[in-house]
Amino acid sequence: MIQAPTIENSTPFSYEALVELYQKLDFAKRAKTLELFLAQDAPLPKKNPPYPSSIFLERPKQIIIVVSYLLGYYSD
């Protein structure tokens, strides 16, 4: 199992905080951000997260899996 180093006086970053930050972006910024990670044939999502991992390129998909696991989720 991967052990992340602990940092004193730190606050965990929650899934809810990520969603809140994302939802504060306007749709143009969301689209630009998502286009960096989406597979070429994947349509731009029309709804807020969660998004299926199948729409992402392989590298972002692996990052999503790791971040999901670190946040305590066993499914991406």
C-alpha atoms as a PDB file:
ATOM      1  CA  MET A   1       0.000   0.000   0.000  1.00  0.00           C
ATOM      2  CA  ILE A   2       1.212   3.501  -0.799  1.00  0.00           C
ATOM      3  CA  GLN A   3       1.864   5.561   2.305  1.00  0.00           C
ATOM      4  CA  ALA A   4       1.608   9.308   1.827  1.00  0.00           C
ATOM      5  CA  PRO A   5       3.751  11.399   4.164  1.00  0.00           C
ATOM      6  CA  THR A   6       1.821  13.254   6.832  1.00  0.00           C
ATOM      7  CA  ILE A   7       2.209  16.972   7.290  1.00  0.00           C
ATOM      8  CA  GLU A   8       1.490  18.525  10.651  1.00  0.00           C
ATOM      9  CA  ASN A   9      -1.101  21.304  10.860  1.00  0.00           C
ATOM     10  CA  SER A  10      -2.620  20.354   7.522  1.00  0.00           C
ATOM     11  CA  THR A  11      -6.244  19.871   6.571  1.00  0.00           C
ATOM     12  CA  PRO A  12      -7.295  17.072   4.199  1.00  0.00           C
ATOM     13  CA  PHE A  13      -8.731  18.198   0.883  1.00  0.00           C
ATOM     14  CA  SER A  14     -12.122  16.595   0.493  1.00  0.00           C
ATOM     15  CA  TYR A  15     -14.029  15.470  -2.573  1.00  0.00           C
ATOM     16  CA  GLU A  16     -16.717  17.978  -1.666  1.00  0.00           C
ATOM     17  CA  ALA A  17     -14.171  20.821  -1.719  1.00  0.00           C
ATOM     18  CA  LEU A  18     -12.972  19.766  -5.186  1.00  0.00           C
ATOM     19  CA  VAL A  19     -16.538  19.665  -6.490  1.00  0.00           C
ATOM     20  CA  GLU A  20     -17.284  23.073  -4.971  1.00  0.00           C
ATOM     21  CA  LEU A  21     -14.210  24.629  -6.602  1.00  0.00           C
ATOM     22  CA  TYR A  22     -15.097  23.039  -9.947  1.00  0.00           C
ATOM     23  CA  GLN A  23     -18.690  24.233  -9.791  1.00  0.00           C
ATOM     24  CA  LYS A  24     -17.510  27.816  -9.233  1.00  0.00           C
ATOM     25  CA  LEU A  25     -15.768  27.782 -12.629  1.00  0.00           C
ATOM     26  CA  ASP A  26     -17.749  29.158 -15.550  1.00  0.00           C
ATOM     27  CA  PHE A  27     -18.543  26.682 -18.333  1.00  0.00           C
ATOM     28  CA  ALA A  28     -15.818  28.009 -20.661  1.00  0.00           C
ATOM     29  CA  LYS A  29     -13.130  27.319 -18.030  1.00  0.00           C
ATOM     30  CA  ARG A  30     -14.634  23.909 -17.251  1.00  0.00           C
ATOM     31  CA  ALA A  31     -14.570  22.983 -20.929  1.00  0.00           C
ATOM     32  CA  LYS A  32     -10.972  24.133 -21.364  1.00  0.00           C
ATOM     33  CA  THR A  33      -9.883  22.190 -18.274  1.00  0.00           C
ATOM     34  CA  LEU A  34     -11.695  19.016 -19.303  1.00  0.00           C
ATOM     35  CA  GLU A  35     -10.354  19.117 -22.865  1.00  0.00           C
ATOM     36  CA  LEU A  36      -6.835  18.641 -21.478  1.00  0.00           C
ATOM     37  CA  PHE A  37      -7.820  15.282 -19.999  1.00  0.00           C
ATOM     38  CA  LEU A  38     -10.528  13.886 -22.283  1.00  0.00           C
ATOM     39  CA  ALA A  39     -10.021  11.260 -24.934  1.00  0.00           C
ATOM     40  CA  GLN A  40     -10.323  12.769 -28.426  1.00  0.00           C
ATOM     41  CA  ASP A  41     -13.582  11.011 -29.287  1.00  0.00           C
ATOM     42  CA  ALA A  42     -15.212  11.731 -25.894  1.00  0.00           C
ATOM     43  CA  PRO A  43     -17.976  14.337 -25.891  1.00  0.00           C
ATOM     44  CA  LEU A  44     -17.680  17.249 -23.485  1.00  0.00           C
ATOM     45  CA  PRO A  45     -19.834  16.432 -20.414  1.00  0.00           C
ATOM     46  CA  LYS A  46     -23.026  18.453 -20.136  1.00  0.00           C
ATOM     47  CA  LYS A  47     -23.586  17.820 -16.399  1.00  0.00           C
ATOM     48  CA  ASN A  48     -21.625  18.348 -13.205  1.00  0.00           C
ATOM     49  CA  PRO A  49     -19.455  15.521 -11.802  1.00  0.00           C
ATOM     50  CA  PRO A  50     -19.262  12.639 -11.329  1.00  0.00           C
ATOM     51  CA  TYR A  51     -18.027  11.722 -14.808  1.00  0.00           C
ATOM     52  CA  PRO A  52     -17.372   8.169 -16.012  1.00  0.00           C
ATOM     53  CA  SER A  53     -13.648   7.401 -16.113  1.00  0.00           C
ATOM     54  CA  SER A  54     -14.077   5.950 -19.611  1.00  0.00           C
ATOM     55  CA  ILE A  55     -14.110   9.456 -21.143  1.00  0.00           C
ATOM     56  CA  PHE A  56     -10.564  10.253 -19.980  1.00  0.00           C
ATOM     57  CA  LEU A  57      -7.187   9.525 -21.526  1.00  0.00           C
ATOM     58  CA  GLU A  58      -5.133   6.759 -19.910  1.00  0.00           C
ATOM     59  CA  ARG A  59      -2.789   8.998 -17.852  1.00  0.00           C
ATOM     60  CA  PRO A  60      -5.597  11.140 -16.350  1.00  0.00           C
ATOM     61  CA  LYS A  61      -7.567   7.943 -15.708  1.00  0.00           C
ATOM     62  CA  GLN A  62      -4.657   6.577 -13.643  1.00  0.00           C
ATOM     63  CA  ILE A  63      -4.429   9.872 -11.731  1.00  0.00           C
ATOM     64  CA  ILE A  64      -8.182   9.734 -11.062  1.00  0.00           C
ATOM     65  CA  ILE A  65      -7.828   6.219  -9.665  1.00  0.00           C
ATOM     66  CA  VAL A  66      -4.985   7.258  -7.327  1.00  0.00           C
ATOM     67  CA  VAL A  67      -6.749  10.424  -6.130  1.00  0.00           C
ATOM     68  CA  SER A  68      -9.985   8.481  -5.594  1.00  0.00           C
ATOM     69  CA  TYR A  69      -8.122   5.914  -3.535  1.00  0.00           C
ATOM     70  CA  LEU A  70      -6.348   8.594  -1.467  1.00  0.00           C
ATOM     71  CA  LEU A  71      -9.717  10.217  -0.742  1.00  0.00           C
ATOM     72  CA  GLY A  72     -10.982   6.886   0.579  1.00  0.00           C
ATOM     73  CA  TYR A  73     -13.005   5.752  -2.438  1.00  0.00           C
ATOM     74  CA  TYR A  74     -12.410   2.277  -3.818  1.00  0.00           C
ATOM     75  CA  SER A  75     -13.994   3.062  -7.150  1.00  0.00           C
ATOM     76  CA  ASP A  76     -13.119   5.838  -9.570  1.00  0.00           C
END
